[in-house]
């Protein structure tokens, strides 16, 4: 009784590939590469939107200098215990 394309394992050197999806390797590589590229483009788009929101929030708070000064002041207060 055979459960696959092989009836006799005595001539194993004459077998070809016997794993699932033989012949689809190149298609799977192309699909994987396309998925990888699409994921990167989507990720870049989301990160750019998030960075734009961060810049907008920083500008609403008075600009980068004020935000950094406030952060430094809070850090000193935390260390000193004020």
PDB file of N, CA and C in Angstrom:
ATOM      1  N   UNK A   1       0.838  -1.170   0.000  1.00  0.00           N
ATOM      2  CA  UNK A   1       0.000   0.000   0.000  1.00  0.00           C
ATOM      3  C   UNK A   1       0.887   1.238   0.000  1.00  0.00           C
ATOM      4  N   UNK A   2       0.674   2.130  -0.938  1.00  0.00           N
ATOM      5  CA  UNK A   2       1.460   3.352  -1.041  1.00  0.00           C
ATOM      6  C   UNK A   2       0.630   4.531  -0.549  1.00  0.00           C
ATOM      7  N   UNK A   3       1.279   5.430   0.167  1.00  0.00           N
ATOM      8  CA  UNK A   3       0.592   6.625   0.642  1.00  0.00           C
ATOM      9  C   UNK A   3       1.032   7.866  -0.123  1.00  0.00           C
ATOM     10  N   UNK A   4       1.831   7.714  -1.125  1.00  0.00           N
ATOM     11  CA  UNK A   4       2.316   8.844  -1.918  1.00  0.00           C
ATOM     12  C   UNK A   4       2.779   8.357  -3.270  1.00  0.00           C
ATOM     13  N   UNK A   5       3.579   9.147  -3.976  1.00  0.00           N
ATOM     14  CA  UNK A   5       4.006   8.763  -5.312  1.00  0.00           C
ATOM     15  C   UNK A   5       5.088   7.683  -5.312  1.00  0.00           C
ATOM     16  N   UNK A   6       5.563   7.266  -4.158  1.00  0.00           N
ATOM     17  CA  UNK A   6       6.655   6.295  -4.079  1.00  0.00           C
ATOM     18  C   UNK A   6       6.083   4.939  -3.689  1.00  0.00           C
ATOM     19  N   UNK A   7       6.359   3.939  -4.522  1.00  0.00           N
ATOM     20  CA  UNK A   7       5.925   2.575  -4.214  1.00  0.00           C
ATOM     21  C   UNK A   7       7.057   1.739  -3.643  1.00  0.00           C
ATOM     22  N   UNK A   8       8.281   2.058  -4.031  1.00  0.00           N
ATOM     23  CA  UNK A   8       9.420   1.245  -3.644  1.00  0.00           C
ATOM     24  C   UNK A   8      10.567   2.181  -3.273  1.00  0.00           C
ATOM     25  N   UNK A   9      11.072   2.067  -2.049  1.00  0.00           N
ATOM     26  CA  UNK A   9      12.129   2.950  -1.561  1.00  0.00           C
ATOM     27  C   UNK A   9      13.524   2.398  -1.857  1.00  0.00           C
ATOM     28  N   UNK A  10      13.638   1.323  -2.614  1.00  0.00           N
ATOM     29  CA  UNK A  10      14.954   0.729  -2.884  1.00  0.00           C
ATOM     30  C   UNK A  10      15.790   1.575  -3.846  1.00  0.00           C
ATOM     31  N   UNK A  11      15.176   2.249  -4.790  1.00  0.00           N
ATOM     32  CA  UNK A  11      15.917   3.073  -5.752  1.00  0.00           C
ATOM     33  C   UNK A  11      15.779   4.560  -5.397  1.00  0.00           C
ATOM     34  N   UNK A  12      16.189   4.914  -4.204  1.00  0.00           N
ATOM     35  CA  UNK A  12      15.996   6.275  -3.717  1.00  0.00           C
ATOM     36  C   UNK A  12      16.794   7.305  -4.519  1.00  0.00           C
ATOM     37  N   UNK A  13      17.873   6.895  -5.159  1.00  0.00           N
ATOM     38  CA  UNK A  13      18.691   7.825  -5.952  1.00  0.00           C
ATOM     39  C   UNK A  13      17.977   8.263  -7.237  1.00  0.00           C
ATOM     40  N   UNK A  14      16.913   7.614  -7.616  1.00  0.00           N
ATOM     41  CA  UNK A  14      16.181   7.999  -8.832  1.00  0.00           C
ATOM     42  C   UNK A  14      14.998   8.923  -8.540  1.00  0.00           C
ATOM     43  N   UNK A  15      14.730   9.175  -7.281  1.00  0.00           N
ATOM     44  CA  UNK A  15      13.602  10.034  -6.919  1.00  0.00           C
ATOM     45  C   UNK A  15      13.931  11.486  -7.205  1.00  0.00           C
ATOM     46  N   UNK A  16      12.907  12.213  -7.507  1.00  0.00           N
ATOM     47  CA  UNK A  16      13.015  13.668  -7.559  1.00  0.00           C
ATOM     48  C   UNK A  16      12.585  14.212  -6.215  1.00  0.00           C
ATOM     49  N   UNK A  17      12.125  15.418  -6.221  1.00  0.00           N
ATOM     50  CA  UNK A  17      11.646  16.023  -4.985  1.00  0.00           C
ATOM     51  C   UNK A  17      10.337  15.370  -4.565  1.00  0.00           C
ATOM     52  N   UNK A  18      10.195  15.069  -3.282  1.00  0.00           N
ATOM     53  CA  UNK A  18       8.975  14.423  -2.799  1.00  0.00           C
ATOM     54  C   UNK A  18       8.339  15.222  -1.664  1.00  0.00           C
ATOM     55  N   UNK A  19       8.622  16.517  -1.601  1.00  0.00           N
ATOM     56  CA  UNK A  19       8.014  17.359  -0.579  1.00  0.00           C
ATOM     57  C   UNK A  19       6.797  18.076  -1.170  1.00  0.00           C
ATOM     58  N   UNK A  20       5.940  18.633  -0.320  1.00  0.00           N
ATOM     59  CA  UNK A  20       4.716  19.288  -0.807  1.00  0.00           C
ATOM     60  C   UNK A  20       5.013  20.531  -1.645  1.00  0.00           C
ATOM     61  N   UNK A  21       4.140  20.831  -2.570  1.00  0.00           N
ATOM     62  CA  UNK A  21       4.192  22.026  -3.409  1.00  0.00           C
ATOM     63  C   UNK A  21       5.456  22.099  -4.268  1.00  0.00           C
ATOM     64  N   UNK A  22       5.877  20.999  -4.790  1.00  0.00           N
ATOM     65  CA  UNK A  22       7.038  20.971  -5.667  1.00  0.00           C
ATOM     66  C   UNK A  22       6.739  21.811  -6.907  1.00  0.00           C
ATOM     67  N   UNK A  23       7.672  22.678  -7.260  1.00  0.00           N
ATOM     68  CA  UNK A  23       7.522  23.517  -8.442  1.00  0.00           C
ATOM     69  C   UNK A  23       6.964  24.895  -8.152  1.00  0.00           C
ATOM     70  N   UNK A  24       6.555  25.140  -6.917  1.00  0.00           N
ATOM     71  CA  UNK A  24       5.994  26.455  -6.593  1.00  0.00           C
ATOM     72  C   UNK A  24       6.996  27.351  -5.870  1.00  0.00           C
ATOM     73  N   UNK A  25       8.244  26.937  -5.794  1.00  0.00           N
ATOM     74  CA  UNK A  25       9.229  27.681  -5.021  1.00  0.00           C
ATOM     75  C   UNK A  25       9.397  29.106  -5.540  1.00  0.00           C
ATOM     76  N   UNK A  26       9.546  29.278  -6.841  1.00  0.00           N
ATOM     77  CA  UNK A  26       9.774  30.612  -7.399  1.00  0.00           C
ATOM     78  C   UNK A  26       8.548  31.497  -7.182  1.00  0.00           C
ATOM     79  N   UNK A  27       7.357  30.936  -7.366  1.00  0.00           N
ATOM     80  CA  UNK A  27       6.148  31.717  -7.141  1.00  0.00           C
ATOM     81  C   UNK A  27       6.058  32.152  -5.678  1.00  0.00           C
ATOM     82  N   UNK A  28       6.387  31.253  -4.746  1.00  0.00           N
ATOM     83  CA  UNK A  28       6.349  31.595  -3.329  1.00  0.00           C
ATOM     84  C   UNK A  28       7.387  32.657  -2.978  1.00  0.00           C
ATOM     85  N   UNK A  29       8.548  32.614  -3.600  1.00  0.00           N
ATOM     86  CA  UNK A  29       9.569  33.647  -3.377  1.00  0.00           C
ATOM     87  C   UNK A  29       9.067  34.992  -3.876  1.00  0.00           C
ATOM     88  N   UNK A  30       8.457  35.012  -5.046  1.00  0.00           N
ATOM     89  CA  UNK A  30       7.940  36.265  -5.603  1.00  0.00           C
ATOM     90  C   UNK A  30       6.813  36.810  -4.723  1.00  0.00           C
ATOM     91  N   UNK A  31       5.915  35.955  -4.282  1.00  0.00           N
ATOM     92  CA  UNK A  31       4.821  36.385  -3.409  1.00  0.00           C
ATOM     93  C   UNK A  31       5.383  36.905  -2.085  1.00  0.00           C
ATOM     94  N   UNK A  32       6.354  36.220  -1.532  1.00  0.00           N
ATOM     95  CA  UNK A  32       6.976  36.666  -0.283  1.00  0.00           C
ATOM     96  C   UNK A  32       7.669  38.005  -0.437  1.00  0.00           C
ATOM     97  N   UNK A  33       8.384  38.185  -1.546  1.00  0.00           N
ATOM     98  CA  UNK A  33       9.075  39.457  -1.798  1.00  0.00           C
ATOM     99  C   UNK A  33       8.061  40.584  -1.986  1.00  0.00           C
ATOM    100  N   UNK A  34       6.985  40.320  -2.709  1.00  0.00           N
ATOM    101  CA  UNK A  34       5.940  41.333  -2.907  1.00  0.00           C
ATOM    102  C   UNK A  34       5.292  41.694  -1.578  1.00  0.00           C
ATOM    103  N   UNK A  35       4.991  40.697  -0.757  1.00  0.00           N
ATOM    104  CA  UNK A  35       4.418  40.957   0.568  1.00  0.00           C
ATOM    105  C   UNK A  35       5.361  41.809   1.397  1.00  0.00           C
ATOM    106  N   UNK A  36       6.655  41.502   1.347  1.00  0.00           N
ATOM    107  CA  UNK A  36       7.659  42.247   2.102  1.00  0.00           C
ATOM    108  C   UNK A  36       7.698  43.707   1.656  1.00  0.00           C
ATOM    109  N   UNK A  37       7.688  43.948   0.350  1.00  0.00           N
ATOM    110  CA  UNK A  37       7.707  45.319  -0.164  1.00  0.00           C
ATOM    111  C   UNK A  37       6.441  46.077   0.214  1.00  0.00           C
ATOM    112  N   UNK A  38       5.287  45.442   0.049  1.00  0.00           N
ATOM    113  CA  UNK A  38       4.018  46.087   0.394  1.00  0.00           C
ATOM    114  C   UNK A  38       3.981  46.412   1.879  1.00  0.00           C
ATOM    115  N   UNK A  39       4.437  45.495   2.718  1.00  0.00           N
ATOM    116  CA  UNK A  39       4.453  45.743   4.150  1.00  0.00           C
ATOM    117  C   UNK A  39       5.319  46.953   4.477  1.00  0.00           C
ATOM    118  N   UNK A  40       6.491  47.050   3.833  1.00  0.00           N
ATOM    119  CA  UNK A  40       7.369  48.193   4.090  1.00  0.00           C
ATOM    120  C   UNK A  40       6.726  49.505   3.655  1.00  0.00           C
ATOM    121  N   UNK A  41       6.071  49.533   2.515  1.00  0.00           N
ATOM    122  CA  UNK A  41       5.415  50.763   2.066  1.00  0.00           C
ATOM    123  C   UNK A  41       4.294  51.168   3.030  1.00  0.00           C
ATOM    124  N   UNK A  42       3.507  50.210   3.473  1.00  0.00           N
ATOM    125  CA  UNK A  42       2.434  50.507   4.427  1.00  0.00           C
ATOM    126  C   UNK A  42       3.026  51.004   5.749  1.00  0.00           C
ATOM    127  N   UNK A  43       4.089  50.348   6.206  1.00  0.00           N
ATOM    128  CA  UNK A  43       4.728  50.740   7.466  1.00  0.00           C
ATOM    129  C   UNK A  43       5.299  52.150   7.359  1.00  0.00           C
ATOM    130  N   UNK A  44       5.941  52.470   6.251  1.00  0.00           N
ATOM    131  CA  UNK A  44       6.485  53.826   6.065  1.00  0.00           C
ATOM    132  C   UNK A  44       5.376  54.870   6.072  1.00  0.00           C
ATOM    133  N   UNK A  45       4.266  54.558   5.435  1.00  0.00           N
ATOM    134  CA  UNK A  45       3.144  55.489   5.396  1.00  0.00           C
ATOM    135  C   UNK A  45       2.608  55.743   6.804  1.00  0.00           C
ATOM    136  N   UNK A  46       2.438  54.676   7.585  1.00  0.00           N
ATOM    137  CA  UNK A  46       1.944  54.826   8.956  1.00  0.00           C
ATOM    138  C   UNK A  46       2.932  55.599   9.822  1.00  0.00           C
ATOM    139  N   UNK A  47       4.227  55.302   9.696  1.00  0.00           N
ATOM    140  CA  UNK A  47       5.222  55.993  10.506  1.00  0.00           C
ATOM    141  C   UNK A  47       5.304  57.464  10.133  1.00  0.00           C
ATOM    142  N   UNK A  48       5.200  57.782   8.851  1.00  0.00           N
ATOM    143  CA  UNK A  48       5.225  59.186   8.445  1.00  0.00           C
ATOM    144  C   UNK A  48       4.032  59.940   9.013  1.00  0.00           C
ATOM    145  N   UNK A  49       2.867  59.315   9.047  1.00  0.00           N
ATOM    146  CA  UNK A  49       1.693  59.954   9.639  1.00  0.00           C
ATOM    147  C   UNK A  49       1.904  60.170  11.136  1.00  0.00           C
ATOM    148  N   UNK A  50       2.478  59.184  11.802  1.00  0.00           N
ATOM    149  CA  UNK A  50       2.742  59.317  13.238  1.00  0.00           C
ATOM    150  C   UNK A  50       3.770  60.418  13.507  1.00  0.00           C
ATOM    151  N   UNK A  51       4.805  60.488  12.692  1.00  0.00           N
ATOM    152  CA  UNK A  51       5.814  61.536  12.865  1.00  0.00           C
ATOM    153  C   UNK A  51       5.209  62.909  12.605  1.00  0.00           C
ATOM    154  N   UNK A  52       4.316  63.014  11.644  1.00  0.00           N
ATOM    155  CA  UNK A  52       3.661  64.295  11.361  1.00  0.00           C
ATOM    156  C   UNK A  52       2.830  64.740  12.566  1.00  0.00           C
ATOM    157  N   UNK A  53       2.134  63.788  13.202  1.00  0.00           N
ATOM    158  CA  UNK A  53       1.375  64.112  14.409  1.00  0.00           C
ATOM    159  C   UNK A  53       2.313  64.575  15.525  1.00  0.00           C
ATOM    160  N   UNK A  54       3.445  63.896  15.686  1.00  0.00           N
ATOM    161  CA  UNK A  54       4.405  64.283  16.717  1.00  0.00           C
ATOM    162  C   UNK A  54       4.934  65.697  16.470  1.00  0.00           C
ATOM    163  N   UNK A  55       5.277  66.008  15.231  1.00  0.00           N
ATOM    164  CA  UNK A  55       5.773  67.341  14.894  1.00  0.00           C
ATOM    165  C   UNK A  55       4.696  68.385  15.170  1.00  0.00           C
ATOM    166  N   UNK A  56       3.466  68.071  14.821  1.00  0.00           N
ATOM    167  CA  UNK A  56       2.359  68.988  15.070  1.00  0.00           C
ATOM    168  C   UNK A  56       2.182  69.243  16.570  1.00  0.00           C
ATOM    169  N   UNK A  57       2.271  68.169  17.379  1.00  0.00           N
ATOM    170  CA  UNK A  57       2.151  68.328  18.825  1.00  0.00           C
ATOM    171  C   UNK A  57       3.307  69.135  19.406  1.00  0.00           C
ATOM    172  N   UNK A  58       4.501  68.917  18.899  1.00  0.00           N
ATOM    173  CA  UNK A  58       5.660  69.685  19.372  1.00  0.00           C
ATOM    174  C   UNK A  58       5.490  71.156  19.035  1.00  0.00           C
ATOM    175  N   UNK A  59       5.028  71.429  17.835  1.00  0.00           N
ATOM    176  CA  UNK A  59       4.818  72.823  17.438  1.00  0.00           C
ATOM    177  C   UNK A  59       3.714  73.477  18.263  1.00  0.00           C
ATOM    178  N   UNK A  60       2.674  72.725  18.634  1.00  0.00           N
ATOM    179  CA  UNK A  60       1.606  73.264  19.478  1.00  0.00           C
ATOM    180  C   UNK A  60       2.121  73.607  20.877  1.00  0.00           C
ATOM    181  N   UNK A  61       3.138  72.890  21.327  1.00  0.00           N
ATOM    182  CA  UNK A  61       3.681  73.108  22.663  1.00  0.00           C
ATOM    183  C   UNK A  61       4.741  74.208  22.695  1.00  0.00           C
ATOM    184  N   UNK A  62       5.003  74.848  21.581  1.00  0.00           N
ATOM    185  CA  UNK A  62       5.944  75.956  21.570  1.00  0.00           C
ATOM    186  C   UNK A  62       7.230  75.681  20.818  1.00  0.00           C
ATOM    187  N   UNK A  63       7.323  74.581  20.147  1.00  0.00           N
ATOM    188  CA  UNK A  63       8.500  74.272  19.343  1.00  0.00           C
ATOM    189  C   UNK A  63       9.443  73.315  20.055  1.00  0.00           C
ATOM    190  N   UNK A  64      10.441  72.832  19.318  1.00  0.00           N
ATOM    191  CA  UNK A  64      11.352  71.825  19.877  1.00  0.00           C
ATOM    192  C   UNK A  64      12.150  72.337  21.074  1.00  0.00           C
ATOM    193  N   UNK A  65      12.574  73.593  21.041  1.00  0.00           N
ATOM    194  CA  UNK A  65      13.368  74.124  22.146  1.00  0.00           C
ATOM    195  C   UNK A  65      12.605  74.119  23.445  1.00  0.00           C
ATOM    196  N   UNK A  66      11.364  74.565  23.411  1.00  0.00           N
ATOM    197  CA  UNK A  66      10.545  74.612  24.627  1.00  0.00           C
ATOM    198  C   UNK A  66      10.266  73.207  25.141  1.00  0.00           C
ATOM    199  N   UNK A  67       9.972  72.291  24.240  1.00  0.00           N
ATOM    200  CA  UNK A  67       9.694  70.909  24.654  1.00  0.00           C
ATOM    201  C   UNK A  67      10.930  70.300  25.319  1.00  0.00           C
ATOM    202  N   UNK A  68      12.106  70.515  24.729  1.00  0.00           N
ATOM    203  CA  UNK A  68      13.337  69.973  25.312  1.00  0.00           C
ATOM    204  C   UNK A  68      13.644  70.620  26.655  1.00  0.00           C
ATOM    205  N   UNK A  69      13.415  71.934  26.771  1.00  0.00           N
ATOM    206  CA  UNK A  69      13.641  72.613  28.047  1.00  0.00           C
ATOM    207  C   UNK A  69      12.705  72.078  29.124  1.00  0.00           C
ATOM    208  N   UNK A  70      11.439  71.877  28.772  1.00  0.00           N
ATOM    209  CA  UNK A  70      10.478  71.334  29.729  1.00  0.00           C
ATOM    210  C   UNK A  70      10.863  69.922  30.154  1.00  0.00           C
ATOM    211  N   UNK A  71      11.311  69.128  29.201  1.00  0.00           N
ATOM    212  CA  UNK A  71      11.720  67.759  29.513  1.00  0.00           C
ATOM    213  C   UNK A  71      12.953  67.759  30.417  1.00  0.00           C
ATOM    214  N   UNK A  72      13.913  68.626  30.127  1.00  0.00           N
ATOM    215  CA  UNK A  72      15.109  68.715  30.968  1.00  0.00           C
ATOM    216  C   UNK A  72      14.732  69.176  32.378  1.00  0.00           C
ATOM    217  N   UNK A  73      13.821  70.153  32.484  1.00  0.00           N
ATOM    218  CA  UNK A  73      13.381  70.629  33.792  1.00  0.00           C
ATOM    219  C   UNK A  73      12.715  69.508  34.579  1.00  0.00           C
ATOM    220  N   UNK A  74      11.847  68.736  33.922  1.00  0.00           N
ATOM    221  CA  UNK A  74      11.181  67.619  34.604  1.00  0.00           C
ATOM    222  C   UNK A  74      12.185  66.557  35.046  1.00  0.00           C
ATOM    223  N   UNK A  75      13.185  66.297  34.216  1.00  0.00           N
ATOM    224  CA  UNK A  75      14.208  65.304  34.569  1.00  0.00           C
ATOM    225  C   UNK A  75      14.987  65.752  35.795  1.00  0.00           C
ATOM    226  N   UNK A  76      15.353  67.029  35.838  1.00  0.00           N
ATOM    227  CA  UNK A  76      16.088  67.554  36.996  1.00  0.00           C
ATOM    228  C   UNK A  76      15.216  67.493  38.236  1.00  0.00           C
ATOM    229  N   UNK A  77      13.947  67.852  38.098  1.00  0.00           N
ATOM    230  CA  UNK A  77      13.036  67.786  39.250  1.00  0.00           C
ATOM    231  C   UNK A  77      12.889  66.355  39.770  1.00  0.00           C
ATOM    232  N   UNK A  78      12.860  65.390  38.861  1.00  0.00           N
ATOM    233  CA  UNK A  78      12.758  63.986  39.283  1.00  0.00           C
ATOM    234  C   UNK A  78      14.009  63.544  40.019  1.00  0.00           C
ATOM    235  N   UNK A  79      15.167  63.983  39.563  1.00  0.00           N
ATOM    236  CA  UNK A  79      16.424  63.578  40.194  1.00  0.00           C
ATOM    237  C   UNK A  79      16.615  64.247  41.544  1.00  0.00           C
ATOM    238  N   UNK A  80      16.236  65.520  41.625  1.00  0.00           N
ATOM    239  CA  UNK A  80      16.417  66.268  42.871  1.00  0.00           C
ATOM    240  C   UNK A  80      15.330  65.928  43.867  1.00  0.00           C
ATOM    241  N   UNK A  81      14.166  65.609  43.373  1.00  0.00           N
ATOM    242  CA  UNK A  81      13.066  65.240  44.242  1.00  0.00           C
ATOM    243  C   UNK A  81      12.152  66.410  44.568  1.00  0.00           C
ATOM    244  N   UNK A  82      12.038  67.359  43.684  1.00  0.00           N
ATOM    245  CA  UNK A  82      11.155  68.510  43.907  1.00  0.00           C
ATOM    246  C   UNK A  82       9.728  68.182  43.610  1.00  0.00           C
TER     247      UNK A  82
END
